[in-house]
């Protein structure tokens, strides 16, 4: 019997609409907010002595030409703080004037569930480190899937820990429709994946898993119960 531990995760999504389509460069969007609000470390994940290594409480995405700033817990308060201060974005040397913005704050369910949920990565999932990239390339198709499944479980555990959620049960995932993608991270070619998966773990829409989620990678869409 599954020991259900679904909690309410405070979430905030700031949607910014310009007079023209904002380019799908969430990495540059992150750079803009990091430069504009240097004193708010939660926005850029840098300390004076280097990067902050934990699940980011503020992430960035661009969907349908609109910029999204997604926050959890302390990140929600930060988004509320900057909400009225944003009237334009500078991305790639171009300015995008904001004529419509919306801040939606809600408590979303998160955690182990008795229902199997199906998800799809709607932006490339960066699953592999430099070390397991070499291992991945040496495996056959079935063992590649097993390795990616193990990494995905690790991603869920890591995100849970970063959000203060204790995983009290074993997590299993069923990974399917996996496709390799060529991506670029900070100008360096990397391998990403598009995939669907199902698991008895409830994750909010637009949650991020894997590496560089603050730059818009690993964005999830819930496809309802599997």
C-alpha atoms as a PDB file:
ATOM      1  CA  UNK A   1       0.000   0.000   0.000  1.00  0.00           C
ATOM      2  CA  UNK A   2       1.346   3.421  -0.962  1.00  0.00           C
ATOM      3  CA  UNK A   3       1.882   5.830   1.914  1.00  0.00           C
ATOM      4  CA  UNK A   4       0.401   8.955   0.331  1.00  0.00           C
ATOM      5  CA  UNK A   5       2.299  12.125   1.120  1.00  0.00           C
ATOM      6  CA  UNK A   6       0.937  14.809  -1.192  1.00  0.00           C
ATOM      7  CA  UNK A   7       1.669  18.321   0.063  1.00  0.00           C
ATOM      8  CA  UNK A   8       0.723  21.803  -1.080  1.00  0.00           C
ATOM      9  CA  UNK A   9       3.596  23.551  -2.848  1.00  0.00           C
ATOM     10  CA  UNK A  10       3.288  27.330  -3.034  1.00  0.00           C
ATOM     11  CA  UNK A  11       3.813  28.361  -6.641  1.00  0.00           C
ATOM     12  CA  UNK A  12       3.834  31.643  -8.514  1.00  0.00           C
ATOM     13  CA  UNK A  13       3.917  32.213 -12.267  1.00  0.00           C
ATOM     14  CA  UNK A  14       4.575  35.679 -13.663  1.00  0.00           C
ATOM     15  CA  UNK A  15       3.544  35.886 -17.321  1.00  0.00           C
ATOM     16  CA  UNK A  16       4.905  38.774 -19.396  1.00  0.00           C
ATOM     17  CA  UNK A  17       3.469  39.637 -22.801  1.00  0.00           C
ATOM     18  CA  UNK A  18       5.215  42.072 -25.127  1.00  0.00           C
ATOM     19  CA  UNK A  19       4.077  43.955 -28.212  1.00  0.00           C
ATOM     20  CA  UNK A  20       5.991  41.326 -30.205  1.00  0.00           C
ATOM     21  CA  UNK A  21       6.999  37.717 -29.688  1.00  0.00           C
ATOM     22  CA  UNK A  22       9.704  37.214 -27.115  1.00  0.00           C
ATOM     23  CA  UNK A  23      12.407  34.886 -28.500  1.00  0.00           C
ATOM     24  CA  UNK A  24      12.598  31.387 -27.057  1.00  0.00           C
ATOM     25  CA  UNK A  25      15.807  32.056 -25.153  1.00  0.00           C
ATOM     26  CA  UNK A  26      15.024  31.481 -21.471  1.00  0.00           C
ATOM     27  CA  UNK A  27      18.770  31.513 -20.790  1.00  0.00           C
ATOM     28  CA  UNK A  28      18.914  35.163 -21.926  1.00  0.00           C
ATOM     29  CA  UNK A  29      15.755  35.905 -19.958  1.00  0.00           C
ATOM     30  CA  UNK A  30      17.499  34.541 -16.872  1.00  0.00           C
ATOM     31  CA  UNK A  31      20.509  36.715 -17.686  1.00  0.00           C
ATOM     32  CA  UNK A  32      18.317  39.807 -17.912  1.00  0.00           C
ATOM     33  CA  UNK A  33      16.718  39.261 -14.513  1.00  0.00           C
ATOM     34  CA  UNK A  34      20.068  38.370 -12.965  1.00  0.00           C
ATOM     35  CA  UNK A  35      21.573  41.651 -14.201  1.00  0.00           C
ATOM     36  CA  UNK A  36      18.508  43.765 -13.443  1.00  0.00           C
ATOM     37  CA  UNK A  37      18.227  42.492  -9.862  1.00  0.00           C
ATOM     38  CA  UNK A  38      21.787  41.585  -8.895  1.00  0.00           C
ATOM     39  CA  UNK A  39      21.012  41.812  -5.187  1.00  0.00           C
ATOM     40  CA  UNK A  40      18.344  39.095  -5.438  1.00  0.00           C
ATOM     41  CA  UNK A  41      20.531  35.987  -5.607  1.00  0.00           C
ATOM     42  CA  UNK A  42      17.517  33.718  -5.880  1.00  0.00           C
ATOM     43  CA  UNK A  43      16.977  35.083  -9.416  1.00  0.00           C
ATOM     44  CA  UNK A  44      20.420  34.226 -10.782  1.00  0.00           C
ATOM     45  CA  UNK A  45      21.704  31.471  -8.437  1.00  0.00           C
ATOM     46  CA  UNK A  46      25.120  33.027  -7.878  1.00  0.00           C
ATOM     47  CA  UNK A  47      26.913  33.730  -4.624  1.00  0.00           C
ATOM     48  CA  UNK A  48      30.037  35.896  -4.520  1.00  0.00           C
ATOM     49  CA  UNK A  49      32.183  32.760  -4.475  1.00  0.00           C
ATOM     50  CA  UNK A  50      30.351  30.885  -7.217  1.00  0.00           C
ATOM     51  CA  UNK A  51      27.123  29.106  -8.151  1.00  0.00           C
ATOM     52  CA  UNK A  52      24.398  28.056  -5.741  1.00  0.00           C
ATOM     53  CA  UNK A  53      24.005  24.288  -6.178  1.00  0.00           C
ATOM     54  CA  UNK A  54      20.417  23.399  -5.271  1.00  0.00           C
ATOM     55  CA  UNK A  55      17.076  23.147  -6.974  1.00  0.00           C
ATOM     56  CA  UNK A  56      16.307  26.681  -8.212  1.00  0.00           C
ATOM     57  CA  UNK A  57      13.340  28.348  -6.547  1.00  0.00           C
ATOM     58  CA  UNK A  58      12.996  30.665  -9.562  1.00  0.00           C
ATOM     59  CA  UNK A  59      13.062  29.405 -13.145  1.00  0.00           C
ATOM     60  CA  UNK A  60      12.505  30.918 -16.573  1.00  0.00           C
ATOM     61  CA  UNK A  61      10.663  29.821 -19.691  1.00  0.00           C
ATOM     62  CA  UNK A  62       9.337  31.265 -22.943  1.00  0.00           C
ATOM     63  CA  UNK A  63       6.142  29.694 -24.272  1.00  0.00           C
ATOM     64  CA  UNK A  64       4.099  30.989 -27.191  1.00  0.00           C
ATOM     65  CA  UNK A  65       6.135  34.183 -27.371  1.00  0.00           C
ATOM     66  CA  UNK A  66       5.462  35.035 -23.721  1.00  0.00           C
ATOM     67  CA  UNK A  67       8.037  35.101 -20.946  1.00  0.00           C
ATOM     68  CA  UNK A  68       7.371  33.128 -17.774  1.00  0.00           C
ATOM     69  CA  UNK A  69       9.063  33.517 -14.414  1.00  0.00           C
ATOM     70  CA  UNK A  70       8.161  30.526 -12.244  1.00  0.00           C
ATOM     71  CA  UNK A  71       8.769  30.512  -8.514  1.00  0.00           C
ATOM     72  CA  UNK A  72       8.303  28.153  -5.586  1.00  0.00           C
ATOM     73  CA  UNK A  73       8.217  28.911  -1.846  1.00  0.00           C
ATOM     74  CA  UNK A  74      10.706  31.790  -1.274  1.00  0.00           C
ATOM     75  CA  UNK A  75      10.765  32.341  -5.026  1.00  0.00           C
ATOM     76  CA  UNK A  76       7.100  33.347  -4.930  1.00  0.00           C
ATOM     77  CA  UNK A  77       7.852  36.252  -2.604  1.00  0.00           C
ATOM     78  CA  UNK A  78      10.681  37.361  -4.868  1.00  0.00           C
ATOM     79  CA  UNK A  79       8.420  37.358  -7.921  1.00  0.00           C
ATOM     80  CA  UNK A  80       5.888  39.439  -5.994  1.00  0.00           C
ATOM     81  CA  UNK A  81       8.680  41.878  -5.153  1.00  0.00           C
ATOM     82  CA  UNK A  82       9.749  42.422  -8.774  1.00  0.00           C
ATOM     83  CA  UNK A  83       6.287  42.267 -10.351  1.00  0.00           C
ATOM     84  CA  UNK A  84       5.669  46.021 -10.471  1.00  0.00           C
ATOM     85  CA  UNK A  85       9.253  46.818 -11.469  1.00  0.00           C
ATOM     86  CA  UNK A  86       9.194  45.128 -14.867  1.00  0.00           C
ATOM     87  CA  UNK A  87       8.039  47.257 -17.799  1.00  0.00           C
ATOM     88  CA  UNK A  88      10.458  46.009 -20.436  1.00  0.00           C
ATOM     89  CA  UNK A  89      12.872  43.156 -21.143  1.00  0.00           C
ATOM     90  CA  UNK A  90      16.237  43.299 -22.875  1.00  0.00           C
ATOM     91  CA  UNK A  91      17.060  40.057 -24.666  1.00  0.00           C
ATOM     92  CA  UNK A  92      19.868  39.654 -27.155  1.00  0.00           C
ATOM     93  CA  UNK A  93      20.336  43.410 -27.442  1.00  0.00           C
ATOM     94  CA  UNK A  94      16.675  44.052 -28.284  1.00  0.00           C
ATOM     95  CA  UNK A  95      14.049  45.631 -26.045  1.00  0.00           C
ATOM     96  CA  UNK A  96      10.613  44.121 -25.536  1.00  0.00           C
ATOM     97  CA  UNK A  97       8.085  46.461 -23.954  1.00  0.00           C
ATOM     98  CA  UNK A  98       5.653  44.719 -21.636  1.00  0.00           C
ATOM     99  CA  UNK A  99       2.032  45.734 -22.122  1.00  0.00           C
ATOM    100  CA  UNK A 100       0.406  42.866 -20.240  1.00  0.00           C
ATOM    101  CA  UNK A 101       1.513  40.965 -17.164  1.00  0.00           C
ATOM    102  CA  UNK A 102      -0.196  38.518 -14.894  1.00  0.00           C
ATOM    103  CA  UNK A 103       0.899  37.029 -11.583  1.00  0.00           C
ATOM    104  CA  UNK A 104      -0.842  33.812 -10.582  1.00  0.00           C
ATOM    105  CA  UNK A 105      -0.155  32.434  -7.113  1.00  0.00           C
ATOM    106  CA  UNK A 106      -1.558  29.098  -6.016  1.00  0.00           C
ATOM    107  CA  UNK A 107      -0.872  26.064  -3.868  1.00  0.00           C
ATOM    108  CA  UNK A 108      -0.210  23.050  -6.088  1.00  0.00           C
ATOM    109  CA  UNK A 109      -0.153  19.393  -5.099  1.00  0.00           C
ATOM    110  CA  UNK A 110       3.266  17.764  -5.029  1.00  0.00           C
ATOM    111  CA  UNK A 111       4.441  14.337  -3.943  1.00  0.00           C
ATOM    112  CA  UNK A 112       3.728  10.610  -3.839  1.00  0.00           C
ATOM    113  CA  UNK A 113       0.306   9.720  -5.222  1.00  0.00           C
ATOM    114  CA  UNK A 114      -1.917   6.645  -5.478  1.00  0.00           C
ATOM    115  CA  UNK A 115      -2.529   7.555  -9.112  1.00  0.00           C
ATOM    116  CA  UNK A 116      -0.102   7.174 -11.979  1.00  0.00           C
ATOM    117  CA  UNK A 117       0.486  10.487 -13.733  1.00  0.00           C
ATOM    118  CA  UNK A 118       1.770  10.951 -17.262  1.00  0.00           C
ATOM    119  CA  UNK A 119       4.142  13.757 -18.224  1.00  0.00           C
ATOM    120  CA  UNK A 120       5.879  15.074 -21.319  1.00  0.00           C
ATOM    121  CA  UNK A 121       9.081  17.093 -21.561  1.00  0.00           C
ATOM    122  CA  UNK A 122       8.131  20.168 -23.589  1.00  0.00           C
ATOM    123  CA  UNK A 123      11.701  21.475 -23.590  1.00  0.00           C
ATOM    124  CA  UNK A 124      14.855  19.328 -23.853  1.00  0.00           C
ATOM    125  CA  UNK A 125      15.645  17.272 -20.762  1.00  0.00           C
ATOM    126  CA  UNK A 126      19.361  17.507 -19.964  1.00  0.00           C
ATOM    127  CA  UNK A 127      19.822  14.184 -18.218  1.00  0.00           C
ATOM    128  CA  UNK A 128      23.472  13.334 -18.764  1.00  0.00           C
ATOM    129  CA  UNK A 129      26.577  14.486 -16.957  1.00  0.00           C
ATOM    130  CA  UNK A 130      29.942  14.272 -18.696  1.00  0.00           C
ATOM    131  CA  UNK A 131      30.632  11.038 -16.827  1.00  0.00           C
ATOM    132  CA  UNK A 132      27.396   9.209 -17.614  1.00  0.00           C
ATOM    133  CA  UNK A 133      27.404  10.506 -21.207  1.00  0.00           C
ATOM    134  CA  UNK A 134      30.342   8.185 -21.918  1.00  0.00           C
ATOM    135  CA  UNK A 135      28.553   5.313 -20.205  1.00  0.00           C
ATOM    136  CA  UNK A 136      25.321   6.061 -22.060  1.00  0.00           C
ATOM    137  CA  UNK A 137      27.011   5.824 -25.450  1.00  0.00           C
ATOM    138  CA  UNK A 138      28.432   2.393 -24.609  1.00  0.00           C
ATOM    139  CA  UNK A 139      25.023   0.839 -23.851  1.00  0.00           C
ATOM    140  CA  UNK A 140      22.424  -0.884 -26.018  1.00  0.00           C
ATOM    141  CA  UNK A 141      18.945   0.598 -26.427  1.00  0.00           C
ATOM    142  CA  UNK A 142      17.345  -1.195 -23.474  1.00  0.00           C
ATOM    143  CA  UNK A 143      20.142  -0.358 -21.052  1.00  0.00           C
ATOM    144  CA  UNK A 144      20.144   3.247 -22.232  1.00  0.00           C
ATOM    145  CA  UNK A 145      16.481   3.417 -21.254  1.00  0.00           C
ATOM    146  CA  UNK A 146      17.242   1.882 -17.852  1.00  0.00           C
ATOM    147  CA  UNK A 147      20.015   4.405 -17.227  1.00  0.00           C
ATOM    148  CA  UNK A 148      17.790   7.327 -18.205  1.00  0.00           C
ATOM    149  CA  UNK A 149      15.004   5.997 -15.972  1.00  0.00           C
ATOM    150  CA  UNK A 150      17.419   5.835 -13.047  1.00  0.00           C
ATOM    151  CA  UNK A 151      18.591   9.397 -13.743  1.00  0.00           C
ATOM    152  CA  UNK A 152      14.989  10.623 -13.957  1.00  0.00           C
ATOM    153  CA  UNK A 153      14.200   9.112 -10.555  1.00  0.00           C
ATOM    154  CA  UNK A 154      17.302  10.848  -9.217  1.00  0.00           C
ATOM    155  CA  UNK A 155      16.086  14.142 -10.697  1.00  0.00           C
ATOM    156  CA  UNK A 156      12.744  13.804  -8.883  1.00  0.00           C
ATOM    157  CA  UNK A 157      14.501  12.953  -5.608  1.00  0.00           C
ATOM    158  CA  UNK A 158      16.914  15.869  -5.970  1.00  0.00           C
ATOM    159  CA  UNK A 159      14.130  18.352  -6.736  1.00  0.00           C
ATOM    160  CA  UNK A 160      12.103  17.038  -3.791  1.00  0.00           C
ATOM    161  CA  UNK A 161      15.024  17.511  -1.434  1.00  0.00           C
ATOM    162  CA  UNK A 162      15.596  21.043  -2.717  1.00  0.00           C
ATOM    163  CA  UNK A 163      11.959  21.882  -2.021  1.00  0.00           C
ATOM    164  CA  UNK A 164      12.039  20.381   1.468  1.00  0.00           C
ATOM    165  CA  UNK A 165       9.900  17.355   0.599  1.00  0.00           C
ATOM    166  CA  UNK A 166      10.834  13.982   2.107  1.00  0.00           C
ATOM    167  CA  UNK A 167      10.230  11.056  -0.268  1.00  0.00           C
ATOM    168  CA  UNK A 168       9.045   8.223   1.961  1.00  0.00           C
ATOM    169  CA  UNK A 169       8.379   5.618  -0.732  1.00  0.00           C
ATOM    170  CA  UNK A 170      10.266   4.118  -3.634  1.00  0.00           C
ATOM    171  CA  UNK A 171       9.706   5.952  -6.913  1.00  0.00           C
ATOM    172  CA  UNK A 172       9.315   4.072 -10.191  1.00  0.00           C
ATOM    173  CA  UNK A 173       9.059   5.619 -13.642  1.00  0.00           C
ATOM    174  CA  UNK A 174       8.026   4.283 -17.026  1.00  0.00           C
ATOM    175  CA  UNK A 175       9.932   6.148 -19.725  1.00  0.00           C
ATOM    176  CA  UNK A 176       8.783   6.111 -23.346  1.00  0.00           C
ATOM    177  CA  UNK A 177       8.961   7.957 -26.671  1.00  0.00           C
ATOM    178  CA  UNK A 178      12.576   8.865 -25.962  1.00  0.00           C
ATOM    179  CA  UNK A 179      14.329  10.866 -28.676  1.00  0.00           C
ATOM    180  CA  UNK A 180      17.828  12.341 -28.623  1.00  0.00           C
ATOM    181  CA  UNK A 181      18.203  16.060 -29.357  1.00  0.00           C
ATOM    182  CA  UNK A 182      21.213  18.245 -30.108  1.00  0.00           C
ATOM    183  CA  UNK A 183      21.219  21.236 -27.766  1.00  0.00           C
ATOM    184  CA  UNK A 184      23.492  24.078 -26.713  1.00  0.00           C
ATOM    185  CA  UNK A 185      24.244  25.061 -23.120  1.00  0.00           C
ATOM    186  CA  UNK A 186      26.242  28.261 -22.638  1.00  0.00           C
ATOM    187  CA  UNK A 187      27.521  27.861 -26.193  1.00  0.00           C
ATOM    188  CA  UNK A 188      28.632  24.257 -25.672  1.00  0.00           C
ATOM    189  CA  UNK A 189      26.982  21.415 -27.655  1.00  0.00           C
ATOM    190  CA  UNK A 190      25.171  18.966 -25.366  1.00  0.00           C
ATOM    191  CA  UNK A 191      22.747  16.087 -25.744  1.00  0.00           C
ATOM    192  CA  UNK A 192      19.177  16.481 -24.540  1.00  0.00           C
ATOM    193  CA  UNK A 193      16.092  14.308 -24.745  1.00  0.00           C
ATOM    194  CA  UNK A 194      12.429  14.603 -25.475  1.00  0.00           C
ATOM    195  CA  UNK A 195      10.357  11.933 -23.753  1.00  0.00           C
ATOM    196  CA  UNK A 196       7.127  10.972 -22.054  1.00  0.00           C
ATOM    197  CA  UNK A 197       7.052   9.237 -18.694  1.00  0.00           C
ATOM    198  CA  UNK A 198       4.593   8.093 -16.069  1.00  0.00           C
ATOM    199  CA  UNK A 199       5.033   7.787 -12.323  1.00  0.00           C
ATOM    200  CA  UNK A 200       3.022   7.731  -9.107  1.00  0.00           C
ATOM    201  CA  UNK A 201       4.417  11.109  -8.166  1.00  0.00           C
ATOM    202  CA  UNK A 202       2.484  14.316  -8.619  1.00  0.00           C
ATOM    203  CA  UNK A 203       4.440  17.157 -10.221  1.00  0.00           C
ATOM    204  CA  UNK A 204       3.005  20.585 -11.099  1.00  0.00           C
ATOM    205  CA  UNK A 205       2.565  21.708 -14.682  1.00  0.00           C
ATOM    206  CA  UNK A 206       5.683  23.532 -15.921  1.00  0.00           C
ATOM    207  CA  UNK A 207       7.858  21.880 -13.279  1.00  0.00           C
ATOM    208  CA  UNK A 208      11.487  21.399 -14.301  1.00  0.00           C
ATOM    209  CA  UNK A 209      13.679  18.301 -14.023  1.00  0.00           C
ATOM    210  CA  UNK A 210      17.307  17.660 -14.913  1.00  0.00           C
ATOM    211  CA  UNK A 211      20.215  19.990 -15.454  1.00  0.00           C
ATOM    212  CA  UNK A 212      19.880  23.748 -16.066  1.00  0.00           C
ATOM    213  CA  UNK A 213      16.157  23.896 -15.304  1.00  0.00           C
ATOM    214  CA  UNK A 214      16.548  27.585 -14.419  1.00  0.00           C
ATOM    215  CA  UNK A 215      17.474  28.178 -18.080  1.00  0.00           C
ATOM    216  CA  UNK A 216      14.262  26.576 -19.309  1.00  0.00           C
ATOM    217  CA  UNK A 217      15.447  23.000 -19.844  1.00  0.00           C
ATOM    218  CA  UNK A 218      13.466  19.976 -18.665  1.00  0.00           C
ATOM    219  CA  UNK A 219      10.080  21.702 -18.619  1.00  0.00           C
ATOM    220  CA  UNK A 220       7.145  19.347 -17.962  1.00  0.00           C
ATOM    221  CA  UNK A 221       3.560  19.221 -19.150  1.00  0.00           C
ATOM    222  CA  UNK A 222       1.154  16.995 -17.237  1.00  0.00           C
ATOM    223  CA  UNK A 223      -0.865  14.811 -19.620  1.00  0.00           C
ATOM    224  CA  UNK A 224      -3.341  13.830 -16.877  1.00  0.00           C
ATOM    225  CA  UNK A 225      -3.537  10.413 -15.230  1.00  0.00           C
ATOM    226  CA  UNK A 226      -1.960   7.530 -17.120  1.00  0.00           C
END
